[in-house]
Amino acid sequence: MEQAISGGATFYRAAVTSVDTSDGRVTSVDLDDGATVATRAFVNAAGPHLGSVGEMVGVELPVTSEVHAKTALRDYSGHFS
């Protein structure tokens, strides 16, 4: 991230509420903190919510999220070491 910031990138800790486009390109993004960010480049890094952000610009992203349970057991017998 430091390299991106030194190259001029800005990171926001806010949720995207809407994306404005013109001629098929993102022009600005509205955030839940009330800010509007004008931009020529937009990275959808919304994690499990990236599908809903994609829908804001009319793009269907075939992504699903699943919850998995994981268990770790100590191998006292040494069979699987």
PDB file of N, CA and C in Angstrom:
ATOM      1  N   MET A   1       0.816  -1.181   0.000  1.00  0.00           N
ATOM      2  CA  MET A   1       0.000   0.000   0.000  1.00  0.00           C
ATOM      3  C   MET A   1       0.867   1.255   0.000  1.00  0.00           C
ATOM      4  N   GLU A   2       1.983   1.199   0.697  1.00  0.00           N
ATOM      5  CA  GLU A   2       2.849   2.380   0.746  1.00  0.00           C
ATOM      6  C   GLU A   2       3.296   2.781  -0.654  1.00  0.00           C
ATOM      7  N   GLN A   3       3.621   1.798  -1.468  1.00  0.00           N
ATOM      8  CA  GLN A   3       4.055   2.089  -2.839  1.00  0.00           C
ATOM      9  C   GLN A   3       2.911   2.701  -3.650  1.00  0.00           C
ATOM     10  N   ALA A   4       1.699   2.206  -3.459  1.00  0.00           N
ATOM     11  CA  ALA A   4       0.545   2.767  -4.169  1.00  0.00           C
ATOM     12  C   ALA A   4       0.301   4.205  -3.736  1.00  0.00           C
ATOM     13  N   ILE A   5       0.373   4.449  -2.431  1.00  0.00           N
ATOM     14  CA  ILE A   5       0.157   5.806  -1.926  1.00  0.00           C
ATOM     15  C   ILE A   5       1.242   6.746  -2.432  1.00  0.00           C
ATOM     16  N   SER A   6       2.492   6.284  -2.435  1.00  0.00           N
ATOM     17  CA  SER A   6       3.567   7.144  -2.942  1.00  0.00           C
ATOM     18  C   SER A   6       3.397   7.409  -4.435  1.00  0.00           C
ATOM     19  N   GLY A   7       2.685   6.519  -5.123  1.00  0.00           N
ATOM     20  CA  GLY A   7       2.407   6.717  -6.547  1.00  0.00           C
ATOM     21  C   GLY A   7       1.162   7.549  -6.803  1.00  0.00           C
ATOM     22  N   GLY A   8       0.507   8.032  -5.723  1.00  0.00           N
ATOM     23  CA  GLY A   8      -0.646   8.910  -5.891  1.00  0.00           C
ATOM     24  C   GLY A   8      -1.991   8.290  -5.579  1.00  0.00           C
ATOM     25  N   ALA A   9      -2.023   7.013  -5.184  1.00  0.00           N
ATOM     26  CA  ALA A   9      -3.297   6.362  -4.858  1.00  0.00           C
ATOM     27  C   ALA A   9      -3.830   6.893  -3.530  1.00  0.00           C
ATOM     28  N   THR A  10      -5.156   6.910  -3.409  1.00  0.00           N
ATOM     29  CA  THR A  10      -5.810   7.299  -2.172  1.00  0.00           C
ATOM     30  C   THR A  10      -6.717   6.159  -1.744  1.00  0.00           C
ATOM     31  N   PHE A  11      -6.661   5.804  -0.463  1.00  0.00           N
ATOM     32  CA  PHE A  11      -7.498   4.743   0.082  1.00  0.00           C
ATOM     33  C   PHE A  11      -8.555   5.368   0.974  1.00  0.00           C
ATOM     34  N   TYR A  12      -9.790   4.877   0.863  1.00  0.00           N
ATOM     35  CA  TYR A  12     -10.901   5.369   1.675  1.00  0.00           C
ATOM     36  C   TYR A  12     -11.468   4.226   2.479  1.00  0.00           C
ATOM     37  N   ARG A  13     -11.757   4.463   3.751  1.00  0.00           N
ATOM     38  CA  ARG A  13     -12.426   3.469   4.596  1.00  0.00           C
ATOM     39  C   ARG A  13     -13.884   3.877   4.719  1.00  0.00           C
ATOM     40  N   ALA A  14     -14.629   3.642   3.672  1.00  0.00           N
ATOM     41  CA  ALA A  14     -16.044   3.998   3.628  1.00  0.00           C
ATOM     42  C   ALA A  14     -16.722   3.073   2.627  1.00  0.00           C
ATOM     43  N   ALA A  15     -18.022   2.933   2.766  1.00  0.00           N
ATOM     44  CA  ALA A  15     -18.790   2.100   1.843  1.00  0.00           C
ATOM     45  C   ALA A  15     -19.256   2.934   0.657  1.00  0.00           C
ATOM     46  N   VAL A  16     -19.238   2.338  -0.504  1.00  0.00           N
ATOM     47  CA  VAL A  16     -19.736   2.987  -1.722  1.00  0.00           C
ATOM     48  C   VAL A  16     -21.257   2.916  -1.707  1.00  0.00           C
ATOM     49  N   THR A  17     -21.910   4.059  -1.897  1.00  0.00           N
ATOM     50  CA  THR A  17     -23.374   4.067  -1.953  1.00  0.00           C
ATOM     51  C   THR A  17     -23.880   4.214  -3.380  1.00  0.00           C
ATOM     52  N   SER A  18     -23.090   4.854  -4.244  1.00  0.00           N
ATOM     53  CA  SER A  18     -23.458   4.934  -5.660  1.00  0.00           C
ATOM     54  C   SER A  18     -22.221   5.269  -6.479  1.00  0.00           C
ATOM     55  N   VAL A  19     -22.285   4.906  -7.748  1.00  0.00           N
ATOM     56  CA  VAL A  19     -21.193   5.152  -8.682  1.00  0.00           C
ATOM     57  C   VAL A  19     -21.762   5.903  -9.867  1.00  0.00           C
ATOM     58  N   ASP A  20     -21.167   7.045 -10.194  1.00  0.00           N
ATOM     59  CA  ASP A  20     -21.609   7.823 -11.347  1.00  0.00           C
ATOM     60  C   ASP A  20     -20.715   7.506 -12.537  1.00  0.00           C
ATOM     61  N   THR A  21     -21.346   7.337 -13.702  1.00  0.00           N
ATOM     62  CA  THR A  21     -20.602   7.011 -14.914  1.00  0.00           C
ATOM     63  C   THR A  21     -20.984   7.956 -16.043  1.00  0.00           C
ATOM     64  N   SER A  22     -20.105   8.036 -17.015  1.00  0.00           N
ATOM     65  CA  SER A  22     -20.367   8.788 -18.236  1.00  0.00           C
ATOM     66  C   SER A  22     -19.655   8.072 -19.366  1.00  0.00           C
ATOM     67  N   ASP A  23     -20.371   7.773 -20.432  1.00  0.00           N
ATOM     68  CA  ASP A  23     -19.808   7.057 -21.584  1.00  0.00           C
ATOM     69  C   ASP A  23     -19.142   5.749 -21.176  1.00  0.00           C
ATOM     70  N   GLY A  24     -19.748   5.035 -20.209  1.00  0.00           N
ATOM     71  CA  GLY A  24     -19.243   3.742 -19.798  1.00  0.00           C
ATOM     72  C   GLY A  24     -18.039   3.783 -18.874  1.00  0.00           C
ATOM     73  N   ARG A  25     -17.703   4.954 -18.362  1.00  0.00           N
ATOM     74  CA  ARG A  25     -16.549   5.081 -17.466  1.00  0.00           C
ATOM     75  C   ARG A  25     -16.975   5.684 -16.141  1.00  0.00           C
ATOM     76  N   VAL A  26     -16.341   5.260 -15.064  1.00  0.00           N
ATOM     77  CA  VAL A  26     -16.623   5.819 -13.744  1.00  0.00           C
ATOM     78  C   VAL A  26     -16.091   7.239 -13.694  1.00  0.00           C
ATOM     79  N   THR A  27     -16.940   8.159 -13.220  1.00  0.00           N
ATOM     80  CA  THR A  27     -16.524   9.554 -13.091  1.00  0.00           C
ATOM     81  C   THR A  27     -16.452  10.012 -11.638  1.00  0.00           C
ATOM     82  N   SER A  28     -17.299   9.428 -10.788  1.00  0.00           N
ATOM     83  CA  SER A  28     -17.248   9.747  -9.366  1.00  0.00           C
ATOM     84  C   SER A  28     -17.930   8.648  -8.570  1.00  0.00           C
ATOM     85  N   VAL A  29     -17.615   8.643  -7.275  1.00  0.00           N
ATOM     86  CA  VAL A  29     -18.142   7.641  -6.367  1.00  0.00           C
ATOM     87  C   VAL A  29     -18.663   8.354  -5.132  1.00  0.00           C
ATOM     88  N   ASP A  30     -19.883   8.004  -4.717  1.00  0.00           N
ATOM     89  CA  ASP A  30     -20.455   8.559  -3.490  1.00  0.00           C
ATOM     90  C   ASP A  30     -20.232   7.561  -2.363  1.00  0.00           C
ATOM     91  N   LEU A  31     -19.790   8.072  -1.212  1.00  0.00           N
ATOM     92  CA  LEU A  31     -19.473   7.227  -0.070  1.00  0.00           C
ATOM     93  C   LEU A  31     -20.467   7.444   1.059  1.00  0.00           C
ATOM     94  N   ASP A  32     -20.562   6.454   1.953  1.00  0.00           N
ATOM     95  CA  ASP A  32     -21.527   6.535   3.044  1.00  0.00           C
ATOM     96  C   ASP A  32     -21.164   7.581   4.098  1.00  0.00           C
ATOM     97  N   ASP A  33     -19.962   8.135   4.030  1.00  0.00           N
ATOM     98  CA  ASP A  33     -19.606   9.201   4.969  1.00  0.00           C
ATOM     99  C   ASP A  33     -19.974  10.580   4.422  1.00  0.00           C
ATOM    100  N   GLY A  34     -20.666  10.594   3.276  1.00  0.00           N
ATOM    101  CA  GLY A  34     -21.115  11.844   2.674  1.00  0.00           C
ATOM    102  C   GLY A  34     -20.169  12.406   1.622  1.00  0.00           C
ATOM    103  N   ALA A  35     -18.998  11.831   1.498  1.00  0.00           N
ATOM    104  CA  ALA A  35     -18.016  12.325   0.524  1.00  0.00           C
ATOM    105  C   ALA A  35     -18.372  11.861  -0.883  1.00  0.00           C
ATOM    106  N   THR A  36     -18.037  12.683  -1.858  1.00  0.00           N
ATOM    107  CA  THR A  36     -18.101  12.313  -3.270  1.00  0.00           C
ATOM    108  C   THR A  36     -16.687  12.445  -3.810  1.00  0.00           C
ATOM    109  N   VAL A  37     -16.191  11.387  -4.422  1.00  0.00           N
ATOM    110  CA  VAL A  37     -14.823  11.361  -4.917  1.00  0.00           C
ATOM    111  C   VAL A  37     -14.857  11.325  -6.437  1.00  0.00           C
ATOM    112  N   ALA A  38     -14.365  12.390  -7.059  1.00  0.00           N
ATOM    113  CA  ALA A  38     -14.231  12.404  -8.518  1.00  0.00           C
ATOM    114  C   ALA A  38     -13.003  11.585  -8.878  1.00  0.00           C
ATOM    115  N   THR A  39     -13.123  10.759  -9.905  1.00  0.00           N
ATOM    116  CA  THR A  39     -12.007   9.877 -10.235  1.00  0.00           C
ATOM    117  C   THR A  39     -12.020   9.484 -11.703  1.00  0.00           C
ATOM    118  N   ARG A  40     -10.835   9.160 -12.219  1.00  0.00           N
ATOM    119  CA  ARG A  40     -10.735   8.585 -13.553  1.00  0.00           C
ATOM    120  C   ARG A  40     -10.441   7.099 -13.471  1.00  0.00           C
ATOM    121  N   ALA A  41     -10.105   6.616 -12.254  1.00  0.00           N
ATOM    122  CA  ALA A  41      -9.824   5.196 -12.046  1.00  0.00           C
ATOM    123  C   ALA A  41     -10.547   4.739 -10.789  1.00  0.00           C
ATOM    124  N   PHE A  42     -11.129   3.553 -10.853  1.00  0.00           N
ATOM    125  CA  PHE A  42     -11.889   3.024  -9.726  1.00  0.00           C
ATOM    126  C   PHE A  42     -11.586   1.546  -9.587  1.00  0.00           C
ATOM    127  N   VAL A  43     -11.185   1.117  -8.395  1.00  0.00           N
ATOM    128  CA  VAL A  43     -10.918  -0.289  -8.113  1.00  0.00           C
ATOM    129  C   VAL A  43     -12.006  -0.792  -7.170  1.00  0.00           C
ATOM    130  N   ASN A  44     -12.705  -1.810  -7.599  1.00  0.00           N
ATOM    131  CA  ASN A  44     -13.743  -2.413  -6.772  1.00  0.00           C
ATOM    132  C   ASN A  44     -13.070  -3.431  -5.856  1.00  0.00           C
ATOM    133  N   ALA A  45     -12.768  -3.005  -4.631  1.00  0.00           N
ATOM    134  CA  ALA A  45     -12.125  -3.878  -3.649  1.00  0.00           C
ATOM    135  C   ALA A  45     -13.079  -4.113  -2.482  1.00  0.00           C
ATOM    136  N   ALA A  46     -14.339  -4.394  -2.800  1.00  0.00           N
ATOM    137  CA  ALA A  46     -15.382  -4.510  -1.782  1.00  0.00           C
ATOM    138  C   ALA A  46     -15.480  -5.904  -1.176  1.00  0.00           C
ATOM    139  N   GLY A  47     -14.510  -6.757  -1.448  1.00  0.00           N
ATOM    140  CA  GLY A  47     -14.526  -8.097  -0.866  1.00  0.00           C
ATOM    141  C   GLY A  47     -15.803  -8.840  -1.198  1.00  0.00           C
ATOM    142  N   PRO A  48     -16.480  -9.393  -0.201  1.00  0.00           N
ATOM    143  CA  PRO A  48     -17.686 -10.168  -0.478  1.00  0.00           C
ATOM    144  C   PRO A  48     -18.841  -9.323  -1.013  1.00  0.00           C
ATOM    145  N   HIS A  49     -18.695  -8.002  -0.979  1.00  0.00           N
ATOM    146  CA  HIS A  49     -19.744  -7.109  -1.474  1.00  0.00           C
ATOM    147  C   HIS A  49     -19.452  -6.590  -2.879  1.00  0.00           C
ATOM    148  N   LEU A  50     -18.411  -7.119  -3.526  1.00  0.00           N
ATOM    149  CA  LEU A  50     -18.052  -6.574  -4.831  1.00  0.00           C
ATOM    150  C   LEU A  50     -19.128  -6.771  -5.879  1.00  0.00           C
ATOM    151  N   GLY A  51     -19.972  -7.772  -5.725  1.00  0.00           N
ATOM    152  CA  GLY A  51     -21.080  -7.973  -6.663  1.00  0.00           C
ATOM    153  C   GLY A  51     -22.063  -6.828  -6.630  1.00  0.00           C
ATOM    154  N   SER A  52     -22.410  -6.362  -5.430  1.00  0.00           N
ATOM    155  CA  SER A  52     -23.372  -5.257  -5.331  1.00  0.00           C
ATOM    156  C   SER A  52     -22.764  -3.953  -5.824  1.00  0.00           C
ATOM    157  N   VAL A  53     -21.465  -3.771  -5.642  1.00  0.00           N
ATOM    158  CA  VAL A  53     -20.813  -2.572  -6.191  1.00  0.00           C
ATOM    159  C   VAL A  53     -20.780  -2.670  -7.714  1.00  0.00           C
ATOM    160  N   GLY A  54     -20.521  -3.843  -8.247  1.00  0.00           N
ATOM    161  CA  GLY A  54     -20.549  -4.034  -9.699  1.00  0.00           C
ATOM    162  C   GLY A  54     -21.906  -3.720 -10.290  1.00  0.00           C
ATOM    163  N   GLU A  55     -22.974  -4.091  -9.583  1.00  0.00           N
ATOM    164  CA  GLU A  55     -24.331  -3.803 -10.052  1.00  0.00           C
ATOM    165  C   GLU A  55     -24.578  -2.298 -10.170  1.00  0.00           C
ATOM    166  N   MET A  56     -23.894  -1.507  -9.349  1.00  0.00           N
ATOM    167  CA  MET A  56     -24.064  -0.049  -9.407  1.00  0.00           C
ATOM    168  C   MET A  56     -23.620   0.533 -10.742  1.00  0.00           C
ATOM    169  N   VAL A  57     -22.765  -0.196 -11.459  1.00  0.00           N
ATOM    170  CA  VAL A  57     -22.318   0.274 -12.773  1.00  0.00           C
ATOM    171  C   VAL A  57     -22.811  -0.640 -13.890  1.00  0.00           C
ATOM    172  N   GLY A  58     -23.757  -1.535 -13.538  1.00  0.00           N
ATOM    173  CA  GLY A  58     -24.350  -2.394 -14.555  1.00  0.00           C
ATOM    174  C   GLY A  58     -23.498  -3.576 -14.957  1.00  0.00           C
ATOM    175  N   VAL A  59     -22.580  -4.004 -14.073  1.00  0.00           N
ATOM    176  CA  VAL A  59     -21.709  -5.138 -14.367  1.00  0.00           C
ATOM    177  C   VAL A  59     -22.077  -6.290 -13.443  1.00  0.00           C
ATOM    178  N   GLU A  60     -22.334  -7.454 -14.045  1.00  0.00           N
ATOM    179  CA  GLU A  60     -22.627  -8.634 -13.241  1.00  0.00           C
ATOM    180  C   GLU A  60     -21.334  -9.395 -13.008  1.00  0.00           C
ATOM    181  N   LEU A  61     -20.949  -9.530 -11.754  1.00  0.00           N
ATOM    182  CA  LEU A  61     -19.743 -10.262 -11.395  1.00  0.00           C
ATOM    183  C   LEU A  61     -20.158 -11.584 -10.763  1.00  0.00           C
ATOM    184  N   PRO A  62     -19.830 -12.709 -11.393  1.00  0.00           N
ATOM    185  CA  PRO A  62     -20.279 -14.013 -10.889  1.00  0.00           C
ATOM    186  C   PRO A  62     -19.459 -14.459  -9.680  1.00  0.00           C
ATOM    187  N   VAL A  63     -19.698 -13.823  -8.542  1.00  0.00           N
ATOM    188  CA  VAL A  63     -18.943 -14.105  -7.326  1.00  0.00           C
ATOM    189  C   VAL A  63     -19.917 -14.521  -6.231  1.00  0.00           C
ATOM    190  N   THR A  64     -19.551 -15.545  -5.498  1.00  0.00           N
ATOM    191  CA  THR A  64     -20.361 -15.965  -4.361  1.00  0.00           C
ATOM    192  C   THR A  64     -19.474 -16.043  -3.126  1.00  0.00           C
ATOM    193  N   SER A  65     -20.088 -15.885  -1.974  1.00  0.00           N
ATOM    194  CA  SER A  65     -19.378 -16.010  -0.703  1.00  0.00           C
ATOM    195  C   SER A  65     -19.976 -17.159   0.071  1.00  0.00           C
ATOM    196  N   GLU A  66     -19.121 -17.899   0.739  1.00  0.00           N
ATOM    197  CA  GLU A  66     -19.573 -19.013   1.551  1.00  0.00           C
ATOM    198  C   GLU A  66     -18.885 -18.953   2.902  1.00  0.00           C
ATOM    199  N   VAL A  67     -19.604 -19.342   3.923  1.00  0.00           N
ATOM    200  CA  VAL A  67     -19.038 -19.438   5.253  1.00  0.00           C
ATOM    201  C   VAL A  67     -18.623 -20.883   5.482  1.00  0.00           C
ATOM    202  N   HIS A  68     -17.406 -21.085   5.913  1.00  0.00           N
ATOM    203  CA  HIS A  68     -16.903 -22.430   6.177  1.00  0.00           C
ATOM    204  C   HIS A  68     -16.413 -22.514   7.617  1.00  0.00           C
ATOM    205  N   ALA A  69     -16.664 -23.640   8.242  1.00  0.00           N
ATOM    206  CA  ALA A  69     -16.123 -23.891   9.568  1.00  0.00           C
ATOM    207  C   ALA A  69     -14.834 -24.698   9.414  1.00  0.00           C
ATOM    208  N   LYS A  70     -13.849 -24.362  10.211  1.00  0.00           N
ATOM    209  CA  LYS A  70     -12.580 -25.083  10.157  1.00  0.00           C
ATOM    210  C   LYS A  70     -12.247 -25.555  11.563  1.00  0.00           C
ATOM    211  N   THR A  71     -11.646 -26.738  11.626  1.00  0.00           N
ATOM    212  CA  THR A  71     -11.254 -27.309  12.904  1.00  0.00           C
ATOM    213  C   THR A  71      -9.810 -27.768  12.808  1.00  0.00           C
ATOM    214  N   ALA A  72      -9.041 -27.504  13.835  1.00  0.00           N
ATOM    215  CA  ALA A  72      -7.660 -27.980  13.893  1.00  0.00           C
ATOM    216  C   ALA A  72      -7.534 -28.949  15.057  1.00  0.00           C
ATOM    217  N   LEU A  73      -6.977 -30.101  14.791  1.00  0.00           N
ATOM    218  CA  LEU A  73      -6.784 -31.114  15.824  1.00  0.00           C
ATOM    219  C   LEU A  73      -5.300 -31.433  15.941  1.00  0.00           C
ATOM    220  N   ARG A  74      -4.824 -31.534  17.144  1.00  0.00           N
ATOM    221  CA  ARG A  74      -3.420 -31.905  17.368  1.00  0.00           C
ATOM    222  C   ARG A  74      -3.267 -33.408  17.115  1.00  0.00           C
ATOM    223  N   ASP A  75      -2.217 -33.765  16.370  1.00  0.00           N
ATOM    224  CA  ASP A  75      -1.946 -35.168  16.058  1.00  0.00           C
ATOM    225  C   ASP A  75      -0.980 -35.728  17.112  1.00  0.00           C
ATOM    226  N   TYR A  76      -1.557 -36.187  18.217  1.00  0.00           N
ATOM    227  CA  TYR A  76      -0.738 -36.713  19.295  1.00  0.00           C
ATOM    228  C   TYR A  76      -0.038 -38.035  18.910  1.00  0.00           C
ATOM    229  N   SER A  77      -0.611 -38.763  17.971  1.00  0.00           N
ATOM    230  CA  SER A  77      -0.020 -40.060  17.600  1.00  0.00           C
ATOM    231  C   SER A  77       1.172 -39.891  16.665  1.00  0.00           C
ATOM    232  N   GLY A  78       1.294 -38.754  16.008  1.00  0.00           N
ATOM    233  CA  GLY A  78       2.408 -38.526  15.100  1.00  0.00           C
ATOM    234  C   GLY A  78       2.214 -39.124  13.727  1.00  0.00           C
ATOM    235  N   HIS A  79       1.027 -39.667  13.439  1.00  0.00           N
ATOM    236  CA  HIS A  79       0.787 -40.303  12.131  1.00  0.00           C
ATOM    237  C   HIS A  79       0.752 -39.313  10.974  1.00  0.00           C
ATOM    238  N   PHE A  80       0.396 -38.085  11.238  1.00  0.00           N
ATOM    239  CA  PHE A  80       0.208 -37.121  10.144  1.00  0.00           C
ATOM    240  C   PHE A  80       1.184 -35.949  10.234  1.00  0.00           C
ATOM    241  N   SER A  81       2.320 -36.152  10.868  1.00  0.00           N
ATOM    242  CA  SER A  81       3.283 -35.060  11.018  1.00  0.00           C
ATOM    243  C   SER A  81       4.161 -34.939   9.798  1.00  0.00           C
TER     244      SER A  81
END
